[in-house]
Amino acid sequence: MEATRIIAIRHGETSWNAESRIQGQRDVGLNDTGRWQAQRVGEALAGEEITAVYTSDLGRAHQTAQSIAEVTGVPVVPNEGLRERSFGMFEGKTFDEIHQTWPEHAQNWRRRIPDWQPPEGGESLIELRARVQKTMTELAEQHPGQQIVIVAHGGVLDTLYRIATGQEVNSPRTWELPNGAINRLLWTPQGFTLVGWSDTQHLDDDAGDDATSF
């Protein structure tokens, strides 16, 4: 079977990214910087042969994907499996607020305990990995020999990087996850392979990417 080529994009910046405020599955739209980043991503992919554009159904990802669709003429297909990790009661809070209000939970989060769930409906890292693995495999296996675009979130792309490089969910992160960056992978039935990561050449004029907050 021929490989599926995957272009994976993190959505453009939102005001909550800029404030280091946890979005999770809250539906926050792009800010001005994010809309500019989305436009630049679309322009950067204008010459690519793209068969399908899949996106998280959350607004910030869908807006970013729409900029790609406008340039390439390929319609956007929403997929709930590409949503950000659910952060339960952390959503809407800043990092500092979480540390001050729930120090024990904050420590569990920072330690990346695999089976720990943010209270009130949050996903564990193990659950997130299983969802990302299942969703990405299902999408990729539909397009052997073709190239697809995936627009998702920091937590999803972090998980995809770990899957492609064989790292555990609790391994320390040494890679960046900038808003609007272009990342490339291959999929075959044997799994995912990393081709290139965190390409931001198309964003050289941008001064405000946030590479850590989800």
C-alpha atoms as a PDB file:
ATOM      1  CA  MET A   1       0.000   0.000   0.000  1.00  0.00           C
ATOM      2  CA  GLU A   2       1.268   3.479  -0.888  1.00  0.00           C
ATOM      3  CA  ALA A   3       1.878   5.915   1.954  1.00  0.00           C
ATOM      4  CA  THR A   4      -0.568   8.661   2.847  1.00  0.00           C
ATOM      5  CA  ARG A   5       1.136  12.043   3.105  1.00  0.00           C
ATOM      6  CA  ILE A   6      -0.182  14.166   5.952  1.00  0.00           C
ATOM      7  CA  ILE A   7       0.147  17.909   6.492  1.00  0.00           C
ATOM      8  CA  ALA A   8      -0.800  18.616  10.105  1.00  0.00           C
ATOM      9  CA  ILE A   9      -1.541  22.190  11.165  1.00  0.00           C
ATOM     10  CA  ARG A  10      -2.147  23.691  14.582  1.00  0.00           C
ATOM     11  CA  HIS A  11      -4.915  26.291  14.451  1.00  0.00           C
ATOM     12  CA  GLY A  12      -4.086  29.999  14.441  1.00  0.00           C
ATOM     13  CA  GLU A  13      -3.752  31.982  17.632  1.00  0.00           C
ATOM     14  CA  THR A  14      -6.709  32.915  19.838  1.00  0.00           C
ATOM     15  CA  SER A  15      -6.960  35.503  22.600  1.00  0.00           C
ATOM     16  CA  TRP A  16      -6.895  32.631  25.104  1.00  0.00           C
ATOM     17  CA  ASN A  17      -3.604  31.375  23.645  1.00  0.00           C
ATOM     18  CA  ALA A  18      -2.176  34.848  24.131  1.00  0.00           C
ATOM     19  CA  GLU A  19      -3.408  34.874  27.762  1.00  0.00           C
ATOM     20  CA  SER A  20      -2.118  31.331  28.495  1.00  0.00           C
ATOM     21  CA  ARG A  21      -5.726  30.379  29.207  1.00  0.00           C
ATOM     22  CA  ILE A  22      -6.739  26.721  28.797  1.00  0.00           C
ATOM     23  CA  GLN A  23      -9.194  26.258  25.949  1.00  0.00           C
ATOM     24  CA  GLY A  24      -9.652  22.517  25.819  1.00  0.00           C
ATOM     25  CA  GLN A  25     -12.951  21.884  24.097  1.00  0.00           C
ATOM     26  CA  ARG A  26     -14.307  25.398  24.634  1.00  0.00           C
ATOM     27  CA  ASP A  27     -15.167  26.972  21.288  1.00  0.00           C
ATOM     28  CA  VAL A  28     -12.887  30.015  21.080  1.00  0.00           C
ATOM     29  CA  GLY A  29     -12.415  31.790  17.751  1.00  0.00           C
ATOM     30  CA  LEU A  30      -9.223  33.174  16.213  1.00  0.00           C
ATOM     31  CA  ASN A  31      -7.925  36.619  17.089  1.00  0.00           C
ATOM     32  CA  ASP A  32      -6.443  39.007  14.520  1.00  0.00           C
ATOM     33  CA  THR A  33      -3.047  37.303  14.684  1.00  0.00           C
ATOM     34  CA  GLY A  34      -4.687  33.904  14.292  1.00  0.00           C
ATOM     35  CA  ARG A  35      -6.639  34.999  11.236  1.00  0.00           C
ATOM     36  CA  TRP A  36      -3.418  36.314   9.700  1.00  0.00           C
ATOM     37  CA  GLN A  37      -1.661  33.034  10.480  1.00  0.00           C
ATOM     38  CA  ALA A  38      -4.511  31.052   8.925  1.00  0.00           C
ATOM     39  CA  GLN A  39      -4.300  33.150   5.775  1.00  0.00           C
ATOM     40  CA  ARG A  40      -0.552  32.593   5.557  1.00  0.00           C
ATOM     41  CA  VAL A  41      -0.978  28.842   5.993  1.00  0.00           C
ATOM     42  CA  GLY A  42      -3.449  28.797   3.124  1.00  0.00           C
ATOM     43  CA  GLU A  43      -1.068  30.751   0.913  1.00  0.00           C
ATOM     44  CA  ALA A  44       1.812  28.421   1.830  1.00  0.00           C
ATOM     45  CA  LEU A  45      -0.202  25.361   0.775  1.00  0.00           C
ATOM     46  CA  ALA A  46      -1.596  26.888  -2.424  1.00  0.00           C
ATOM     47  CA  GLY A  47       0.689  24.852  -4.682  1.00  0.00           C
ATOM     48  CA  GLU A  48       0.250  21.521  -2.893  1.00  0.00           C
ATOM     49  CA  GLU A  49      -1.725  18.588  -4.284  1.00  0.00           C
ATOM     50  CA  ILE A  50      -4.306  18.060  -1.555  1.00  0.00           C
ATOM     51  CA  THR A  51      -7.093  15.490  -1.682  1.00  0.00           C
ATOM     52  CA  ALA A  52      -8.925  16.275   1.567  1.00  0.00           C
ATOM     53  CA  VAL A  53      -8.925  18.796   4.412  1.00  0.00           C
ATOM     54  CA  TYR A  54     -10.036  17.413   7.782  1.00  0.00           C
ATOM     55  CA  THR A  55     -10.462  19.623  10.827  1.00  0.00           C
ATOM     56  CA  SER A  56     -11.524  19.609  14.417  1.00  0.00           C
ATOM     57  CA  ASP A  57     -15.067  20.923  14.621  1.00  0.00           C
ATOM     58  CA  LEU A  58     -14.045  23.619  17.124  1.00  0.00           C
ATOM     59  CA  GLY A  59     -14.171  27.113  15.657  1.00  0.00           C
ATOM     60  CA  ARG A  60     -10.495  28.043  15.901  1.00  0.00           C
ATOM     61  CA  ALA A  61      -9.474  24.961  13.912  1.00  0.00           C
ATOM     62  CA  HIS A  62     -12.371  25.189  11.463  1.00  0.00           C
ATOM     63  CA  GLN A  63     -11.551  28.842  10.717  1.00  0.00           C
ATOM     64  CA  THR A  64      -7.945  27.901  10.021  1.00  0.00           C
ATOM     65  CA  ALA A  65      -8.998  25.025   7.776  1.00  0.00           C
ATOM     66  CA  GLN A  66     -11.372  27.284   5.871  1.00  0.00           C
ATOM     67  CA  SER A  67      -8.457  29.512   4.855  1.00  0.00           C
ATOM     68  CA  ILE A  68      -6.792  26.444   3.340  1.00  0.00           C
ATOM     69  CA  ALA A  69     -10.005  25.425   1.594  1.00  0.00           C
ATOM     70  CA  GLU A  70     -10.420  28.865   0.047  1.00  0.00           C
ATOM     71  CA  VAL A  71      -6.996  28.647  -1.590  1.00  0.00           C
ATOM     72  CA  THR A  72      -6.970  24.979  -2.587  1.00  0.00           C
ATOM     73  CA  GLY A  73     -10.642  24.551  -3.464  1.00  0.00           C
ATOM     74  CA  VAL A  74     -10.816  21.412  -1.302  1.00  0.00           C
ATOM     75  CA  PRO A  75     -13.845  21.406   1.046  1.00  0.00           C
ATOM     76  CA  VAL A  76     -13.434  21.193   4.805  1.00  0.00           C
ATOM     77  CA  VAL A  77     -14.636  18.037   6.584  1.00  0.00           C
ATOM     78  CA  PRO A  78     -15.147  18.416  10.378  1.00  0.00           C
ATOM     79  CA  ASN A  79     -14.248  15.515  12.656  1.00  0.00           C
ATOM     80  CA  GLU A  80     -14.882  15.485  16.417  1.00  0.00           C
ATOM     81  CA  GLY A  81     -12.026  13.039  16.878  1.00  0.00           C
ATOM     82  CA  LEU A  82      -9.598  15.888  16.128  1.00  0.00           C
ATOM     83  CA  ARG A  83     -10.843  18.033  19.031  1.00  0.00           C
ATOM     84  CA  GLU A  84      -8.453  19.271  21.687  1.00  0.00           C
ATOM     85  CA  ARG A  85      -8.052  17.276  24.869  1.00  0.00           C
ATOM     86  CA  SER A  86     -10.871  17.884  27.315  1.00  0.00           C
ATOM     87  CA  PHE A  87      -9.464  19.693  30.340  1.00  0.00           C
ATOM     88  CA  GLY A  88     -12.600  19.569  32.508  1.00  0.00           C
ATOM     89  CA  MET A  89     -12.655  22.271  35.175  1.00  0.00           C
ATOM     90  CA  PHE A  90      -9.318  23.683  33.960  1.00  0.00           C
ATOM     91  CA  GLU A  91     -10.979  25.110  30.854  1.00  0.00           C
ATOM     92  CA  GLY A  92     -11.234  28.892  30.911  1.00  0.00           C
ATOM     93  CA  LYS A  93      -8.515  29.183  33.577  1.00  0.00           C
ATOM     94  CA  THR A  94      -4.963  30.486  33.177  1.00  0.00           C
ATOM     95  CA  PHE A  95      -1.941  28.434  34.172  1.00  0.00           C
ATOM     96  CA  ASP A  96      -1.432  30.632  37.253  1.00  0.00           C
ATOM     97  CA  GLU A  97      -5.070  30.281  38.321  1.00  0.00           C
ATOM     98  CA  ILE A  98      -4.854  26.511  38.071  1.00  0.00           C
ATOM     99  CA  HIS A  99      -1.669  26.360  40.133  1.00  0.00           C
ATOM    100  CA  GLN A 100      -3.117  28.642  42.807  1.00  0.00           C
ATOM    101  CA  THR A 101      -6.569  27.026  43.017  1.00  0.00           C
ATOM    102  CA  TRP A 102      -5.765  23.335  42.557  1.00  0.00           C
ATOM    103  CA  PRO A 103      -2.046  22.869  43.338  1.00  0.00           C
ATOM    104  CA  GLU A 104      -2.266  19.063  43.634  1.00  0.00           C
ATOM    105  CA  HIS A 105      -4.116  18.697  40.345  1.00  0.00           C
ATOM    106  CA  ALA A 106      -1.727  21.167  38.727  1.00  0.00           C
ATOM    107  CA  GLN A 107       1.218  19.045  39.848  1.00  0.00           C
ATOM    108  CA  ASN A 108      -0.379  15.903  38.389  1.00  0.00           C
ATOM    109  CA  TRP A 109      -0.883  17.727  35.118  1.00  0.00           C
ATOM    110  CA  ARG A 110       2.681  19.032  34.975  1.00  0.00           C
ATOM    111  CA  ARG A 111       4.081  15.591  35.799  1.00  0.00           C
ATOM    112  CA  ARG A 112       2.105  14.190  32.851  1.00  0.00           C
ATOM    113  CA  ILE A 113       0.709  11.278  34.841  1.00  0.00           C
ATOM    114  CA  PRO A 114      -0.660   9.043  32.066  1.00  0.00           C
ATOM    115  CA  ASP A 115      -3.970   8.001  33.638  1.00  0.00           C
ATOM    116  CA  TRP A 116      -4.740  11.229  35.513  1.00  0.00           C
ATOM    117  CA  GLN A 117      -7.878  13.028  34.372  1.00  0.00           C
ATOM    118  CA  PRO A 118      -8.602  16.735  34.935  1.00  0.00           C
ATOM    119  CA  PRO A 119     -11.652  16.771  37.250  1.00  0.00           C
ATOM    120  CA  GLU A 120     -15.150  17.243  35.858  1.00  0.00           C
ATOM    121  CA  GLY A 121     -14.894  15.324  32.631  1.00  0.00           C
ATOM    122  CA  GLY A 122     -11.290  15.767  31.559  1.00  0.00           C
ATOM    123  CA  GLU A 123      -9.407  13.246  29.411  1.00  0.00           C
ATOM    124  CA  SER A 124      -6.314  11.396  30.536  1.00  0.00           C
ATOM    125  CA  LEU A 125      -3.242  11.345  28.301  1.00  0.00           C
ATOM    126  CA  ILE A 126      -3.883   7.653  27.656  1.00  0.00           C
ATOM    127  CA  GLU A 127      -7.427   8.400  26.499  1.00  0.00           C
ATOM    128  CA  LEU A 128      -6.224  11.268  24.314  1.00  0.00           C
ATOM    129  CA  ARG A 129      -3.568   9.085  22.684  1.00  0.00           C
ATOM    130  CA  ALA A 130      -6.091   6.336  21.919  1.00  0.00           C
ATOM    131  CA  ARG A 131      -8.483   8.869  20.356  1.00  0.00           C
ATOM    132  CA  VAL A 132      -5.800  10.531  18.238  1.00  0.00           C
ATOM    133  CA  GLN A 133      -4.355   7.192  17.101  1.00  0.00           C
ATOM    134  CA  LYS A 134      -7.794   5.886  16.100  1.00  0.00           C
ATOM    135  CA  THR A 135      -8.938   9.076  14.352  1.00  0.00           C
ATOM    136  CA  MET A 136      -5.715   9.698  12.461  1.00  0.00           C
ATOM    137  CA  THR A 137      -5.428   6.081  11.330  1.00  0.00           C
ATOM    138  CA  GLU A 138      -9.025   6.025  10.101  1.00  0.00           C
ATOM    139  CA  LEU A 139      -8.504   9.216   8.095  1.00  0.00           C
ATOM    140  CA  ALA A 140      -5.097   8.281   6.695  1.00  0.00           C
ATOM    141  CA  GLU A 141      -6.090   4.801   5.569  1.00  0.00           C
ATOM    142  CA  GLN A 142      -8.756   6.309   3.305  1.00  0.00           C
ATOM    143  CA  HIS A 143      -6.132   8.093   1.193  1.00  0.00           C
ATOM    144  CA  PRO A 144      -3.243   5.804   0.170  1.00  0.00           C
ATOM    145  CA  GLY A 145      -0.966   7.529  -2.314  1.00  0.00           C
ATOM    146  CA  GLN A 146      -2.619  10.884  -1.629  1.00  0.00           C
ATOM    147  CA  GLN A 147      -1.948  13.933   0.522  1.00  0.00           C
ATOM    148  CA  ILE A 148      -4.358  15.209   3.164  1.00  0.00           C
ATOM    149  CA  VAL A 149      -4.436  18.152   5.544  1.00  0.00           C
ATOM    150  CA  ILE A 150      -5.326  17.836   9.213  1.00  0.00           C
ATOM    151  CA  VAL A 151      -6.112  20.973  11.242  1.00  0.00           C
ATOM    152  CA  ALA A 152      -6.188  20.373  14.975  1.00  0.00           C
ATOM    153  CA  HIS A 153      -4.825  21.551  18.336  1.00  0.00           C
ATOM    154  CA  GLY A 154      -1.664  21.596  20.406  1.00  0.00           C
ATOM    155  CA  GLY A 155      -2.580  18.554  22.474  1.00  0.00           C
ATOM    156  CA  VAL A 156      -3.572  16.549  19.406  1.00  0.00           C
ATOM    157  CA  LEU A 157      -0.395  17.421  17.507  1.00  0.00           C
ATOM    158  CA  ASP A 158       1.776  16.776  20.559  1.00  0.00           C
ATOM    159  CA  THR A 159       0.214  13.312  20.767  1.00  0.00           C
ATOM    160  CA  LEU A 160       0.674  12.714  17.042  1.00  0.00           C
ATOM    161  CA  TYR A 161       4.359  13.647  17.324  1.00  0.00           C
ATOM    162  CA  ARG A 162       4.773  11.136  20.167  1.00  0.00           C
ATOM    163  CA  ILE A 163       3.034   8.406  18.184  1.00  0.00           C
ATOM    164  CA  ALA A 164       5.203   9.032  15.118  1.00  0.00           C
ATOM    165  CA  THR A 165       8.451   9.095  17.107  1.00  0.00           C
ATOM    166  CA  GLY A 166       7.636   6.230  19.483  1.00  0.00           C
ATOM    167  CA  GLN A 167       7.614   8.333  22.637  1.00  0.00           C
ATOM    168  CA  GLU A 168       5.498   7.753  25.729  1.00  0.00           C
ATOM    169  CA  VAL A 169       2.715  10.106  26.744  1.00  0.00           C
ATOM    170  CA  ASN A 170       4.716  11.238  29.771  1.00  0.00           C
ATOM    171  CA  SER A 171       8.061  11.800  28.031  1.00  0.00           C
ATOM    172  CA  PRO A 172       9.351  15.385  28.432  1.00  0.00           C
ATOM    173  CA  ARG A 173       8.478  17.541  25.455  1.00  0.00           C
ATOM    174  CA  THR A 174      11.497  18.794  23.486  1.00  0.00           C
ATOM    175  CA  TRP A 175       9.612  19.936  20.359  1.00  0.00           C
ATOM    176  CA  GLU A 176       7.648  23.072  19.583  1.00  0.00           C
ATOM    177  CA  LEU A 177       3.953  23.421  18.750  1.00  0.00           C
ATOM    178  CA  PRO A 178       3.554  26.910  17.266  1.00  0.00           C
ATOM    179  CA  ASN A 179       0.191  28.185  16.112  1.00  0.00           C
ATOM    180  CA  GLY A 180      -0.035  27.975  12.331  1.00  0.00           C
ATOM    181  CA  ALA A 181       3.070  25.809  11.883  1.00  0.00           C
ATOM    182  CA  ILE A 182       3.211  23.247   9.074  1.00  0.00           C
ATOM    183  CA  ASN A 183       4.094  19.685  10.119  1.00  0.00           C
ATOM    184  CA  ARG A 184       4.501  16.703   7.775  1.00  0.00           C
ATOM    185  CA  LEU A 185       4.128  12.974   8.334  1.00  0.00           C
ATOM    186  CA  LEU A 186       3.665   9.749   6.407  1.00  0.00           C
ATOM    187  CA  TRP A 187       1.256   6.934   7.241  1.00  0.00           C
ATOM    188  CA  THR A 188       1.423   3.298   6.138  1.00  0.00           C
ATOM    189  CA  PRO A 189      -0.234   0.272   7.764  1.00  0.00           C
ATOM    190  CA  GLN A 190       2.951  -0.003   9.834  1.00  0.00           C
ATOM    191  CA  GLY A 191       2.231   3.363  11.462  1.00  0.00           C
ATOM    192  CA  PHE A 192       3.156   7.043  11.307  1.00  0.00           C
ATOM    193  CA  THR A 193       6.557   8.492  10.404  1.00  0.00           C
ATOM    194  CA  LEU A 194       7.747  12.030  10.978  1.00  0.00           C
ATOM    195  CA  VAL A 195       8.948  13.906   7.876  1.00  0.00           C
ATOM    196  CA  GLY A 196       9.219  17.509   9.062  1.00  0.00           C
ATOM    197  CA  TRP A 197       8.053  19.483  12.076  1.00  0.00           C
ATOM    198  CA  SER A 198       7.281  23.063  13.096  1.00  0.00           C
ATOM    199  CA  ASP A 199       7.895  24.796   9.766  1.00  0.00           C
ATOM    200  CA  THR A 200       7.083  28.479  10.340  1.00  0.00           C
ATOM    201  CA  GLN A 201       8.850  30.080   7.383  1.00  0.00           C
ATOM    202  CA  HIS A 202       5.496  31.362   6.131  1.00  0.00           C
ATOM    203  CA  LEU A 203       5.048  33.159   9.466  1.00  0.00           C
ATOM    204  CA  ASP A 204       8.335  35.017   9.480  1.00  0.00           C
ATOM    205  CA  ASP A 205       6.552  38.343   9.969  1.00  0.00           C
ATOM    206  CA  ASP A 206       4.705  37.079  13.055  1.00  0.00           C
ATOM    207  CA  ALA A 207       5.980  38.128  16.471  1.00  0.00           C
ATOM    208  CA  GLY A 208       3.486  36.491  18.785  1.00  0.00           C
ATOM    209  CA  ASP A 209       3.157  32.740  18.336  1.00  0.00           C
ATOM    210  CA  ASP A 210       2.446  30.840  21.533  1.00  0.00           C
ATOM    211  CA  ALA A 211       4.070  27.431  21.362  1.00  0.00           C
ATOM    212  CA  THR A 212       2.968  25.905  24.645  1.00  0.00           C
ATOM    213  CA  SER A 213      -0.604  26.664  25.683  1.00  0.00           C
ATOM    214  CA  PHE A 214      -3.478  24.499  24.550  1.00  0.00           C
END
